[in-house]
mmCIF file of all heavy atoms, coordinates in Angstrom:
data_MODEL
# 
_entry.id   MODEL 
# 
loop_
_atom_site.group_PDB 
_atom_site.id 
_atom_site.type_symbol 
_atom_site.label_atom_id 
_atom_site.label_alt_id 
_atom_site.label_comp_id 
_atom_site.label_asym_id 
_atom_site.label_entity_id 
_atom_site.label_seq_id 
_atom_site.pdbx_PDB_ins_code 
_atom_site.Cartn_x 
_atom_site.Cartn_y 
_atom_site.Cartn_z 
_atom_site.occupancy 
_atom_site.B_iso_or_equiv 
_atom_site.pdbx_formal_charge 
_atom_site.auth_seq_id 
_atom_site.auth_comp_id 
_atom_site.auth_asym_id 
_atom_site.auth_atom_id 
_atom_site.pdbx_PDB_model_num 
ATOM 1   N N   . PRO A 1 1  ? 0.840  -1.209 0.000  1.00 0.00 ? 1  PRO A N   1 
ATOM 2   C CA  . PRO A 1 1  ? 0.000  0.000  0.000  1.00 0.00 ? 1  PRO A CA  1 
ATOM 3   C C   . PRO A 1 1  ? 0.875  1.259  0.000  1.00 0.00 ? 1  PRO A C   1 
ATOM 4   O O   . PRO A 1 1  ? 1.976  1.269  0.521  1.00 0.00 ? 1  PRO A O   1 
ATOM 5   C CB  . PRO A 1 1  ? -0.797 -0.091 1.298  1.00 0.00 ? 1  PRO A CB  1 
ATOM 6   C CG  . PRO A 1 1  ? -0.610 -1.475 1.813  1.00 0.00 ? 1  PRO A CG  1 
ATOM 7   C CD  . PRO A 1 1  ? 0.592  -2.043 1.152  1.00 0.00 ? 1  PRO A CD  1 
ATOM 8   N N   . VAL A 1 2  ? 0.343  2.298  -0.602 1.00 0.00 ? 2  VAL A N   1 
ATOM 9   C CA  . VAL A 1 2  ? 1.074  3.552  -0.736 1.00 0.00 ? 2  VAL A CA  1 
ATOM 10  C C   . VAL A 1 2  ? 1.354  4.174  0.633  1.00 0.00 ? 2  VAL A C   1 
ATOM 11  O O   . VAL A 1 2  ? 2.427  4.722  0.863  1.00 0.00 ? 2  VAL A O   1 
ATOM 12  C CB  . VAL A 1 2  ? 0.284  4.542  -1.633 1.00 0.00 ? 2  VAL A CB  1 
ATOM 13  C CG1 . VAL A 1 2  ? 0.961  5.887  -1.701 1.00 0.00 ? 2  VAL A CG1 1 
ATOM 14  C CG2 . VAL A 1 2  ? 0.106  3.965  -3.015 1.00 0.00 ? 2  VAL A CG2 1 
ATOM 15  N N   . ASP A 1 3  ? 0.409  4.058  1.555  1.00 0.00 ? 3  ASP A N   1 
ATOM 16  C CA  . ASP A 1 3  ? 0.587  4.664  2.873  1.00 0.00 ? 3  ASP A CA  1 
ATOM 17  C C   . ASP A 1 3  ? 1.768  4.063  3.617  1.00 0.00 ? 3  ASP A C   1 
ATOM 18  O O   . ASP A 1 3  ? 2.531  4.784  4.249  1.00 0.00 ? 3  ASP A O   1 
ATOM 19  C CB  . ASP A 1 3  ? -0.690 4.506  3.713  1.00 0.00 ? 3  ASP A CB  1 
ATOM 20  C CG  . ASP A 1 3  ? -1.765 5.498  3.294  1.00 0.00 ? 3  ASP A CG  1 
ATOM 21  O OD1 . ASP A 1 3  ? -1.426 6.468  2.583  1.00 0.00 ? 3  ASP A OD1 1 
ATOM 22  O OD2 . ASP A 1 3  ? -2.926 5.295  3.692  1.00 0.00 ? 3  ASP A OD2 1 
ATOM 23  N N   . SER A 1 4  ? 1.928  2.741  3.561  1.00 0.00 ? 4  SER A N   1 
ATOM 24  C CA  . SER A 1 4  ? 3.045  2.127  4.287  1.00 0.00 ? 4  SER A CA  1 
ATOM 25  C C   . SER A 1 4  ? 4.387  2.517  3.660  1.00 0.00 ? 4  SER A C   1 
ATOM 26  O O   . SER A 1 4  ? 5.368  2.688  4.370  1.00 0.00 ? 4  SER A O   1 
ATOM 27  C CB  . SER A 1 4  ? 2.893  0.604  4.330  1.00 0.00 ? 4  SER A CB  1 
ATOM 28  O OG  . SER A 1 4  ? 3.049  0.067  3.039  1.00 0.00 ? 4  SER A OG  1 
ATOM 29  N N   . GLU A 1 5  ? 4.426  2.663  2.345  1.00 0.00 ? 5  GLU A N   1 
ATOM 30  C CA  . GLU A 1 5  ? 5.645  3.108  1.669  1.00 0.00 ? 5  GLU A CA  1 
ATOM 31  C C   . GLU A 1 5  ? 5.964  4.544  2.066  1.00 0.00 ? 5  GLU A C   1 
ATOM 32  O O   . GLU A 1 5  ? 7.118  4.868  2.344  1.00 0.00 ? 5  GLU A O   1 
ATOM 33  C CB  . GLU A 1 5  ? 5.463  2.999  0.143  1.00 0.00 ? 5  GLU A CB  1 
ATOM 34  C CG  . GLU A 1 5  ? 6.684  3.393  -0.660 1.00 0.00 ? 5  GLU A CG  1 
ATOM 35  C CD  . GLU A 1 5  ? 7.842  2.431  -0.503 1.00 0.00 ? 5  GLU A CD  1 
ATOM 36  O OE1 . GLU A 1 5  ? 7.632  1.274  -0.139 1.00 0.00 ? 5  GLU A OE1 1 
ATOM 37  O OE2 . GLU A 1 5  ? 8.985  2.886  -0.731 1.00 0.00 ? 5  GLU A OE2 1 
ATOM 38  N N   . MET A 1 6  ? 4.940  5.383  2.118  1.00 0.00 ? 6  MET A N   1 
ATOM 39  C CA  . MET A 1 6  ? 5.145  6.772  2.513  1.00 0.00 ? 6  MET A CA  1 
ATOM 40  C C   . MET A 1 6  ? 5.586  6.845  3.979  1.00 0.00 ? 6  MET A C   1 
ATOM 41  O O   . MET A 1 6  ? 6.499  7.597  4.320  1.00 0.00 ? 6  MET A O   1 
ATOM 42  C CB  . MET A 1 6  ? 3.869  7.591  2.320  1.00 0.00 ? 6  MET A CB  1 
ATOM 43  C CG  . MET A 1 6  ? 4.093  9.077  2.600  1.00 0.00 ? 6  MET A CG  1 
ATOM 44  S SD  . MET A 1 6  ? 2.659  10.101 2.321  1.00 0.00 ? 6  MET A SD  1 
ATOM 45  C CE  . MET A 1 6  ? 1.644  9.639  3.691  1.00 0.00 ? 6  MET A CE  1 
ATOM 46  N N   . ASP A 1 7  ? 4.982  6.061  4.833  1.00 0.00 ? 7  ASP A N   1 
ATOM 47  C CA  . ASP A 1 7  ? 5.364  6.048  6.251  1.00 0.00 ? 7  ASP A CA  1 
ATOM 48  C C   . ASP A 1 7  ? 6.819  5.618  6.414  1.00 0.00 ? 7  ASP A C   1 
ATOM 49  O O   . ASP A 1 7  ? 7.544  6.163  7.249  1.00 0.00 ? 7  ASP A O   1 
ATOM 50  C CB  . ASP A 1 7  ? 4.453  5.113  7.045  1.00 0.00 ? 7  ASP A CB  1 
ATOM 51  C CG  . ASP A 1 7  ? 3.043  5.665  7.202  1.00 0.00 ? 7  ASP A CG  1 
ATOM 52  O OD1 . ASP A 1 7  ? 2.852  6.881  6.973  1.00 0.00 ? 7  ASP A OD1 1 
ATOM 53  O OD2 . ASP A 1 7  ? 2.140  4.875  7.552  1.00 0.00 ? 7  ASP A OD2 1 
ATOM 54  N N   . ARG A 1 8  ? 7.237  4.650  5.614  1.00 0.00 ? 8  ARG A N   1 
ATOM 55  C CA  . ARG A 1 8  ? 8.621  4.185  5.679  1.00 0.00 ? 8  ARG A CA  1 
ATOM 56  C C   . ARG A 1 8  ? 9.584  5.299  5.253  1.00 0.00 ? 8  ARG A C   1 
ATOM 57  O O   . ARG A 1 8  ? 10.612 5.526  5.886  1.00 0.00 ? 8  ARG A O   1 
ATOM 58  C CB  . ARG A 1 8  ? 8.793  2.946  4.788  1.00 0.00 ? 8  ARG A CB  1 
ATOM 59  C CG  . ARG A 1 8  ? 10.141 2.246  4.960  1.00 0.00 ? 8  ARG A CG  1 
ATOM 60  C CD  . ARG A 1 8  ? 10.243 0.992  4.113  1.00 0.00 ? 8  ARG A CD  1 
ATOM 61  N NE  . ARG A 1 8  ? 10.169 1.244  2.678  1.00 0.00 ? 8  ARG A NE  1 
ATOM 62  C CZ  . ARG A 1 8  ? 11.163 1.754  1.949  1.00 0.00 ? 8  ARG A CZ  1 
ATOM 63  N NH1 . ARG A 1 8  ? 12.288 2.080  2.513  1.00 0.00 ? 8  ARG A NH1 1 
ATOM 64  N NH2 . ARG A 1 8  ? 11.017 1.947  0.653  1.00 0.00 ? 8  ARG A NH2 1 
ATOM 65  N N   . LYS A 1 9  ? 9.248  6.024  4.194  1.00 0.00 ? 9  LYS A N   1 
ATOM 66  C CA  . LYS A 1 9  ? 10.078 7.135  3.722  1.00 0.00 ? 9  LYS A CA  1 
ATOM 67  C C   . LYS A 1 9  ? 10.134 8.259  4.767  1.00 0.00 ? 9  LYS A C   1 
ATOM 68  O O   . LYS A 1 9  ? 11.193 8.820  5.027  1.00 0.00 ? 9  LYS A O   1 
ATOM 69  C CB  . LYS A 1 9  ? 9.548  7.704  2.399  1.00 0.00 ? 9  LYS A CB  1 
ATOM 70  C CG  . LYS A 1 9  ? 9.841  6.853  1.204  1.00 0.00 ? 9  LYS A CG  1 
ATOM 71  C CD  . LYS A 1 9  ? 11.299 6.940  0.892  1.00 0.00 ? 9  LYS A CD  1 
ATOM 72  C CE  . LYS A 1 9  ? 11.580 6.211  -0.411 1.00 0.00 ? 9  LYS A CE  1 
ATOM 73  N NZ  . LYS A 1 9  ? 13.010 6.033  -0.629 1.00 0.00 ? 9  LYS A NZ  1 
ATOM 74  N N   . VAL A 1 10 ? 8.976  8.569  5.359  1.00 0.00 ? 10 VAL A N   1 
ATOM 75  C CA  . VAL A 1 10 ? 8.920  9.608  6.382  1.00 0.00 ? 10 VAL A CA  1 
ATOM 76  C C   . VAL A 1 10 ? 9.817  9.221  7.554  1.00 0.00 ? 10 VAL A C   1 
ATOM 77  O O   . VAL A 1 10 ? 10.587 10.034 8.067  1.00 0.00 ? 10 VAL A O   1 
ATOM 78  C CB  . VAL A 1 10 ? 7.466  9.847  6.846  1.00 0.00 ? 10 VAL A CB  1 
ATOM 79  C CG1 . VAL A 1 10 ? 7.422  10.684 8.116  1.00 0.00 ? 10 VAL A CG1 1 
ATOM 80  C CG2 . VAL A 1 10 ? 6.660  10.522 5.739  1.00 0.00 ? 10 VAL A CG2 1 
ATOM 81  N N   . LEU A 1 11 ? 9.743  7.969  7.962  1.00 0.00 ? 11 LEU A N   1 
ATOM 82  C CA  . LEU A 1 11 ? 10.571 7.489  9.065  1.00 0.00 ? 11 LEU A CA  1 
ATOM 83  C C   . LEU A 1 11 ? 12.056 7.580  8.705  1.00 0.00 ? 11 LEU A C   1 
ATOM 84  O O   . LEU A 1 11 ? 12.883 7.974  9.540  1.00 0.00 ? 11 LEU A O   1 
ATOM 85  C CB  . LEU A 1 11 ? 10.188 6.053  9.428  1.00 0.00 ? 11 LEU A CB  1 
ATOM 86  C CG  . LEU A 1 11 ? 10.901 5.460  10.637 1.00 0.00 ? 11 LEU A CG  1 
ATOM 87  C CD1 . LEU A 1 11 ? 10.629 6.294  11.881 1.00 0.00 ? 11 LEU A CD1 1 
ATOM 88  C CD2 . LEU A 1 11 ? 10.473 4.026  10.846 1.00 0.00 ? 11 LEU A CD2 1 
ATOM 89  N N   . GLN A 1 12 ? 12.410 7.240  7.465  1.00 0.00 ? 12 GLN A N   1 
ATOM 90  C CA  . GLN A 1 12 ? 13.805 7.346  7.017  1.00 0.00 ? 12 GLN A CA  1 
ATOM 91  C C   . GLN A 1 12 ? 14.297 8.792  7.104  1.00 0.00 ? 12 GLN A C   1 
ATOM 92  O O   . GLN A 1 12 ? 15.401 9.046  7.594  1.00 0.00 ? 12 GLN A O   1 
ATOM 93  C CB  . GLN A 1 12 ? 13.951 6.875  5.566  1.00 0.00 ? 12 GLN A CB  1 
ATOM 94  C CG  . GLN A 1 12 ? 14.139 5.400  5.395  1.00 0.00 ? 12 GLN A CG  1 
ATOM 95  C CD  . GLN A 1 12 ? 14.343 5.066  3.914  1.00 0.00 ? 12 GLN A CD  1 
ATOM 96  O OE1 . GLN A 1 12 ? 13.697 5.626  3.032  1.00 0.00 ? 12 GLN A OE1 1 
ATOM 97  N NE2 . GLN A 1 12 ? 15.257 4.144  3.660  1.00 0.00 ? 12 GLN A NE2 1 
ATOM 98  N N   . TYR A 1 13 ? 13.484 9.731  6.629  1.00 0.00 ? 13 TYR A N   1 
ATOM 99  C CA  . TYR A 1 13 ? 13.879 11.142 6.659  1.00 0.00 ? 13 TYR A CA  1 
ATOM 100 C C   . TYR A 1 13 ? 13.989 11.657 8.092  1.00 0.00 ? 13 TYR A C   1 
ATOM 101 O O   . TYR A 1 13 ? 14.915 12.386 8.432  1.00 0.00 ? 13 TYR A O   1 
ATOM 102 C CB  . TYR A 1 13 ? 12.903 12.006 5.859  1.00 0.00 ? 13 TYR A CB  1 
ATOM 103 C CG  . TYR A 1 13 ? 13.056 11.864 4.365  1.00 0.00 ? 13 TYR A CG  1 
ATOM 104 C CD1 . TYR A 1 13 ? 11.964 11.584 3.557  1.00 0.00 ? 13 TYR A CD1 1 
ATOM 105 C CD2 . TYR A 1 13 ? 14.287 12.032 3.752  1.00 0.00 ? 13 TYR A CD2 1 
ATOM 106 C CE1 . TYR A 1 13 ? 12.095 11.470 2.184  1.00 0.00 ? 13 TYR A CE1 1 
ATOM 107 C CE2 . TYR A 1 13 ? 14.437 11.910 2.375  1.00 0.00 ? 13 TYR A CE2 1 
ATOM 108 C CZ  . TYR A 1 13 ? 13.326 11.626 1.596  1.00 0.00 ? 13 TYR A CZ  1 
ATOM 109 O OH  . TYR A 1 13 ? 13.473 11.509 0.247  1.00 0.00 ? 13 TYR A OH  1 
ATOM 110 N N   . GLU A 1 14 ? 13.037 11.285 8.934  1.00 0.00 ? 14 GLU A N   1 
ATOM 111 C CA  . GLU A 1 14 ? 13.087 11.724 10.331 1.00 0.00 ? 14 GLU A CA  1 
ATOM 112 C C   . GLU A 1 14 ? 14.315 11.160 11.035 1.00 0.00 ? 14 GLU A C   1 
ATOM 113 O O   . GLU A 1 14 ? 14.964 11.848 11.824 1.00 0.00 ? 14 GLU A O   1 
ATOM 114 C CB  . GLU A 1 14 ? 11.811 11.309 11.063 1.00 0.00 ? 14 GLU A CB  1 
ATOM 115 C CG  . GLU A 1 14 ? 10.600 12.109 10.650 1.00 0.00 ? 14 GLU A CG  1 
ATOM 116 C CD  . GLU A 1 14 ? 9.309  11.599 11.265 1.00 0.00 ? 14 GLU A CD  1 
ATOM 117 O OE1 . GLU A 1 14 ? 9.300  10.471 11.830 1.00 0.00 ? 14 GLU A OE1 1 
ATOM 118 O OE2 . GLU A 1 14 ? 8.305  12.321 11.191 1.00 0.00 ? 14 GLU A OE2 1 
ATOM 119 N N   . THR A 1 15 ? 14.655 9.910  10.739 1.00 0.00 ? 15 THR A N   1 
ATOM 120 C CA  . THR A 1 15 ? 15.842 9.300  11.311 1.00 0.00 ? 15 THR A CA  1 
ATOM 121 C C   . THR A 1 15 ? 17.092 10.012 10.819 1.00 0.00 ? 15 THR A C   1 
ATOM 122 O O   . THR A 1 15 ? 18.017 10.271 11.598 1.00 0.00 ? 15 THR A O   1 
ATOM 123 C CB  . THR A 1 15 ? 15.908 7.803  10.945 1.00 0.00 ? 15 THR A CB  1 
ATOM 124 O OG1 . THR A 1 15 ? 14.714 7.168  11.398 1.00 0.00 ? 15 THR A OG1 1 
ATOM 125 C CG2 . THR A 1 15 ? 17.101 7.129  11.564 1.00 0.00 ? 15 THR A CG2 1 
ATOM 126 N N   . PHE A 1 16 ? 17.126 10.340 9.541  1.00 0.00 ? 16 PHE A N   1 
ATOM 127 C CA  . PHE A 1 16 ? 18.272 11.059 8.975  1.00 0.00 ? 16 PHE A CA  1 
ATOM 128 C C   . PHE A 1 16 ? 18.449 12.413 9.654  1.00 0.00 ? 16 PHE A C   1 
ATOM 129 O O   . PHE A 1 16 ? 19.578 12.806 9.991  1.00 0.00 ? 16 PHE A O   1 
ATOM 130 C CB  . PHE A 1 16 ? 18.083 11.234 7.465  1.00 0.00 ? 16 PHE A CB  1 
ATOM 131 C CG  . PHE A 1 16 ? 19.189 11.989 6.799  1.00 0.00 ? 16 PHE A CG  1 
ATOM 132 C CD1 . PHE A 1 16 ? 20.456 11.439 6.664  1.00 0.00 ? 16 PHE A CD1 1 
ATOM 133 C CD2 . PHE A 1 16 ? 18.976 13.278 6.312  1.00 0.00 ? 16 PHE A CD2 1 
ATOM 134 C CE1 . PHE A 1 16 ? 21.488 12.143 6.052  1.00 0.00 ? 16 PHE A CE1 1 
ATOM 135 C CE2 . PHE A 1 16 ? 19.997 13.985 5.706  1.00 0.00 ? 16 PHE A CE2 1 
ATOM 136 C CZ  . PHE A 1 16 ? 21.255 13.411 5.574  1.00 0.00 ? 16 PHE A CZ  1 
ATOM 137 N N   . ILE A 1 17 ? 17.343 13.111 9.888  1.00 0.00 ? 17 ILE A N   1 
ATOM 138 C CA  . ILE A 1 17 ? 17.423 14.419 10.549 1.00 0.00 ? 17 ILE A CA  1 
ATOM 139 C C   . ILE A 1 17 ? 17.980 14.271 11.963 1.00 0.00 ? 17 ILE A C   1 
ATOM 140 O O   . ILE A 1 17 ? 18.913 14.959 12.359 1.00 0.00 ? 17 ILE A O   1 
ATOM 141 C CB  . ILE A 1 17 ? 16.041 15.115 10.587 1.00 0.00 ? 17 ILE A CB  1 
ATOM 142 C CG1 . ILE A 1 17 ? 15.641 15.571 9.189  1.00 0.00 ? 17 ILE A CG1 1 
ATOM 143 C CG2 . ILE A 1 17 ? 16.061 16.305 11.540 1.00 0.00 ? 17 ILE A CG2 1 
ATOM 144 C CD1 . ILE A 1 17 ? 14.223 16.103 9.105  1.00 0.00 ? 17 ILE A CD1 1 
ATOM 145 N N   . SER A 1 18 ? 17.402 13.337 12.731 1.00 0.00 ? 18 SER A N   1 
ATOM 146 C CA  . SER A 1 18 ? 17.790 13.242 14.143 1.00 0.00 ? 18 SER A CA  1 
ATOM 147 C C   . SER A 1 18 ? 19.148 12.580 14.354 1.00 0.00 ? 18 SER A C   1 
ATOM 148 O O   . SER A 1 18 ? 19.897 12.975 15.234 1.00 0.00 ? 18 SER A O   1 
ATOM 149 C CB  . SER A 1 18 ? 16.717 12.503 14.936 1.00 0.00 ? 18 SER A CB  1 
ATOM 150 O OG  . SER A 1 18 ? 16.591 11.179 14.479 1.00 0.00 ? 18 SER A OG  1 
ATOM 151 N N   . GLU A 1 19 ? 19.493 11.577 13.551 1.00 0.00 ? 19 GLU A N   1 
ATOM 152 C CA  . GLU A 1 19 ? 20.726 10.841 13.783 1.00 0.00 ? 19 GLU A CA  1 
ATOM 153 C C   . GLU A 1 19 ? 21.927 11.397 13.028 1.00 0.00 ? 19 GLU A C   1 
ATOM 154 O O   . GLU A 1 19 ? 23.067 11.156 13.438 1.00 0.00 ? 19 GLU A O   1 
ATOM 155 C CB  . GLU A 1 19 ? 20.544 9.363  13.433 1.00 0.00 ? 19 GLU A CB  1 
ATOM 156 C CG  . GLU A 1 19 ? 19.614 8.636  14.371 1.00 0.00 ? 19 GLU A CG  1 
ATOM 157 C CD  . GLU A 1 19 ? 19.475 7.156  14.055 1.00 0.00 ? 19 GLU A CD  1 
ATOM 158 O OE1 . GLU A 1 19 ? 20.160 6.676  13.128 1.00 0.00 ? 19 GLU A OE1 1 
ATOM 159 O OE2 . GLU A 1 19 ? 18.662 6.506  14.708 1.00 0.00 ? 19 GLU A OE2 1 
ATOM 160 N N   . VAL A 1 20 ? 21.704 12.129 11.961 1.00 0.00 ? 20 VAL A N   1 
ATOM 161 C CA  . VAL A 1 20 ? 22.831 12.629 11.175 1.00 0.00 ? 20 VAL A CA  1 
ATOM 162 C C   . VAL A 1 20 ? 22.919 14.155 11.245 1.00 0.00 ? 20 VAL A C   1 
ATOM 163 O O   . VAL A 1 20 ? 23.900 14.705 11.758 1.00 0.00 ? 20 VAL A O   1 
ATOM 164 C CB  . VAL A 1 20 ? 22.735 12.158 9.702  1.00 0.00 ? 20 VAL A CB  1 
ATOM 165 C CG1 . VAL A 1 20 ? 23.858 12.744 8.876  1.00 0.00 ? 20 VAL A CG1 1 
ATOM 166 C CG2 . VAL A 1 20 ? 22.758 10.643 9.636  1.00 0.00 ? 20 VAL A CG2 1 
ATOM 167 N N   . LEU A 1 21 ? 21.901 14.825 10.750 1.00 0.00 ? 21 LEU A N   1 
ATOM 168 C CA  . LEU A 1 21 ? 21.992 16.275 10.618 1.00 0.00 ? 21 LEU A CA  1 
ATOM 169 C C   . LEU A 1 21 ? 22.051 16.993 11.965 1.00 0.00 ? 21 LEU A C   1 
ATOM 170 O O   . LEU A 1 21 ? 22.906 17.855 12.170 1.00 0.00 ? 21 LEU A O   1 
ATOM 171 C CB  . LEU A 1 21 ? 20.818 16.800 9.790  1.00 0.00 ? 21 LEU A CB  1 
ATOM 172 C CG  . LEU A 1 21 ? 20.810 16.376 8.316  1.00 0.00 ? 21 LEU A CG  1 
ATOM 173 C CD1 . LEU A 1 21 ? 19.578 16.914 7.610  1.00 0.00 ? 21 LEU A CD1 1 
ATOM 174 C CD2 . LEU A 1 21 ? 22.070 16.831 7.612  1.00 0.00 ? 21 LEU A CD2 1 
ATOM 175 N N   . LYS A 1 22 ? 21.175 16.636 12.897 1.00 0.00 ? 22 LYS A N   1 
ATOM 176 C CA  . LYS A 1 22 ? 21.190 17.311 14.197 1.00 0.00 ? 22 LYS A CA  1 
ATOM 177 C C   . LYS A 1 22 ? 22.460 16.985 14.977 1.00 0.00 ? 22 LYS A C   1 
ATOM 178 O O   . LYS A 1 22 ? 22.996 17.842 15.678 1.00 0.00 ? 22 LYS A O   1 
ATOM 179 C CB  . LYS A 1 22 ? 19.941 16.952 15.002 1.00 0.00 ? 22 LYS A CB  1 
ATOM 180 C CG  . LYS A 1 22 ? 18.696 17.642 14.475 1.00 0.00 ? 22 LYS A CG  1 
ATOM 181 C CD  . LYS A 1 22 ? 17.508 17.447 15.362 1.00 0.00 ? 22 LYS A CD  1 
ATOM 182 C CE  . LYS A 1 22 ? 16.302 18.217 14.808 1.00 0.00 ? 22 LYS A CE  1 
ATOM 183 N NZ  . LYS A 1 22 ? 15.116 18.051 15.649 1.00 0.00 ? 22 LYS A NZ  1 
ATOM 184 N N   . ARG A 1 23 ? 22.953 15.766 14.843 1.00 0.00 ? 23 ARG A N   1 
ATOM 185 C CA  . ARG A 1 23 ? 24.207 15.390 15.513 1.00 0.00 ? 23 ARG A CA  1 
ATOM 186 C C   . ARG A 1 23 ? 25.373 16.189 14.922 1.00 0.00 ? 23 ARG A C   1 
ATOM 187 O O   . ARG A 1 23 ? 26.214 16.709 15.656 1.00 0.00 ? 23 ARG A O   1 
ATOM 188 C CB  . ARG A 1 23 ? 24.453 13.891 15.377 1.00 0.00 ? 23 ARG A CB  1 
ATOM 189 C CG  . ARG A 1 23 ? 25.677 13.398 16.151 1.00 0.00 ? 23 ARG A CG  1 
ATOM 190 C CD  . ARG A 1 23 ? 26.009 11.965 15.847 1.00 0.00 ? 23 ARG A CD  1 
ATOM 191 N NE  . ARG A 1 23 ? 26.494 11.883 14.464 1.00 0.00 ? 23 ARG A NE  1 
ATOM 192 C CZ  . ARG A 1 23 ? 26.100 10.983 13.579 1.00 0.00 ? 23 ARG A CZ  1 
ATOM 193 N NH1 . ARG A 1 23 ? 25.236 10.066 13.905 1.00 0.00 ? 23 ARG A NH1 1 
ATOM 194 N NH2 . ARG A 1 23 ? 26.591 10.996 12.357 1.00 0.00 ? 23 ARG A NH2 1 
ATOM 195 N N   . ASP A 1 24 ? 25.414 16.307 13.591 1.00 0.00 ? 24 ASP A N   1 
ATOM 196 C CA  . ASP A 1 24 ? 26.461 17.091 12.933 1.00 0.00 ? 24 ASP A CA  1 
ATOM 197 C C   . ASP A 1 24 ? 26.400 18.565 13.350 1.00 0.00 ? 24 ASP A C   1 
ATOM 198 O O   . ASP A 1 24 ? 27.432 19.187 13.609 1.00 0.00 ? 24 ASP A O   1 
ATOM 199 C CB  . ASP A 1 24 ? 26.348 16.988 11.417 1.00 0.00 ? 24 ASP A CB  1 
ATOM 200 C CG  . ASP A 1 24 ? 26.725 15.611 10.883 1.00 0.00 ? 24 ASP A CG  1 
ATOM 201 O OD1 . ASP A 1 24 ? 27.277 14.802 11.657 1.00 0.00 ? 24 ASP A OD1 1 
ATOM 202 O OD2 . ASP A 1 24 ? 26.461 15.356 9.693  1.00 0.00 ? 24 ASP A OD2 1 
ATOM 203 N N   . LEU A 1 25 ? 25.186 19.095 13.431 1.00 0.00 ? 25 LEU A N   1 
ATOM 204 C CA  . LEU A 1 25 ? 25.007 20.486 13.845 1.00 0.00 ? 25 LEU A CA  1 
ATOM 205 C C   . LEU A 1 25 ? 25.513 20.672 15.275 1.00 0.00 ? 25 LEU A C   1 
ATOM 206 O O   . LEU A 1 25 ? 26.226 21.644 15.565 1.00 0.00 ? 25 LEU A O   1 
ATOM 207 C CB  . LEU A 1 25 ? 23.538 20.892 13.743 1.00 0.00 ? 25 LEU A CB  1 
ATOM 208 C CG  . LEU A 1 25 ? 23.201 22.315 14.171 1.00 0.00 ? 25 LEU A CG  1 
ATOM 209 C CD1 . LEU A 1 25 ? 23.923 23.329 13.300 1.00 0.00 ? 25 LEU A CD1 1 
ATOM 210 C CD2 . LEU A 1 25 ? 21.691 22.535 14.121 1.00 0.00 ? 25 LEU A CD2 1 
ATOM 211 N N   . GLN A 1 26 ? 25.191 19.751 16.147 1.00 0.00 ? 26 GLN A N   1 
ATOM 212 C CA  . GLN A 1 26 ? 25.642 19.836 17.536 1.00 0.00 ? 26 GLN A CA  1 
ATOM 213 C C   . GLN A 1 26 ? 27.167 19.807 17.621 1.00 0.00 ? 26 GLN A C   1 
ATOM 214 O O   . GLN A 1 26 ? 27.771 20.594 18.359 1.00 0.00 ? 26 GLN A O   1 
ATOM 215 C CB  . GLN A 1 26 ? 25.038 18.681 18.360 1.00 0.00 ? 26 GLN A CB  1 
ATOM 216 C CG  . GLN A 1 26 ? 25.369 18.747 19.828 1.00 0.00 ? 26 GLN A CG  1 
ATOM 217 C CD  . GLN A 1 26 ? 24.727 19.927 20.528 1.00 0.00 ? 26 GLN A CD  1 
ATOM 218 O OE1 . GLN A 1 26 ? 23.682 20.422 20.114 1.00 0.00 ? 26 GLN A OE1 1 
ATOM 219 N NE2 . GLN A 1 26 ? 25.357 20.402 21.570 1.00 0.00 ? 26 GLN A NE2 1 
ATOM 220 N N   . LYS A 1 27 ? 27.806 18.943 16.853 1.00 0.00 ? 27 LYS A N   1 
ATOM 221 C CA  . LYS A 1 27 ? 29.277 18.851 16.855 1.00 0.00 ? 27 LYS A CA  1 
ATOM 222 C C   . LYS A 1 27 ? 29.910 20.155 16.374 1.00 0.00 ? 27 LYS A C   1 
ATOM 223 O O   . LYS A 1 27 ? 30.882 20.636 16.958 1.00 0.00 ? 27 LYS A O   1 
ATOM 224 C CB  . LYS A 1 27 ? 29.745 17.697 15.968 1.00 0.00 ? 27 LYS A CB  1 
ATOM 225 C CG  . LYS A 1 27 ? 29.568 16.337 16.577 1.00 0.00 ? 27 LYS A CG  1 
ATOM 226 C CD  . LYS A 1 27 ? 30.083 15.261 15.626 1.00 0.00 ? 27 LYS A CD  1 
ATOM 227 C CE  . LYS A 1 27 ? 29.864 13.875 16.171 1.00 0.00 ? 27 LYS A CE  1 
ATOM 228 N NZ  . LYS A 1 27 ? 30.317 12.830 15.239 1.00 0.00 ? 27 LYS A NZ  1 
# 
């Protein structure tokens, strides 16, 4: 289903923001 694919992408982007970008900004 399209919703589960979209939810997976949203989760990937949110993870990228919190685990990569925000960590890099903090450093």
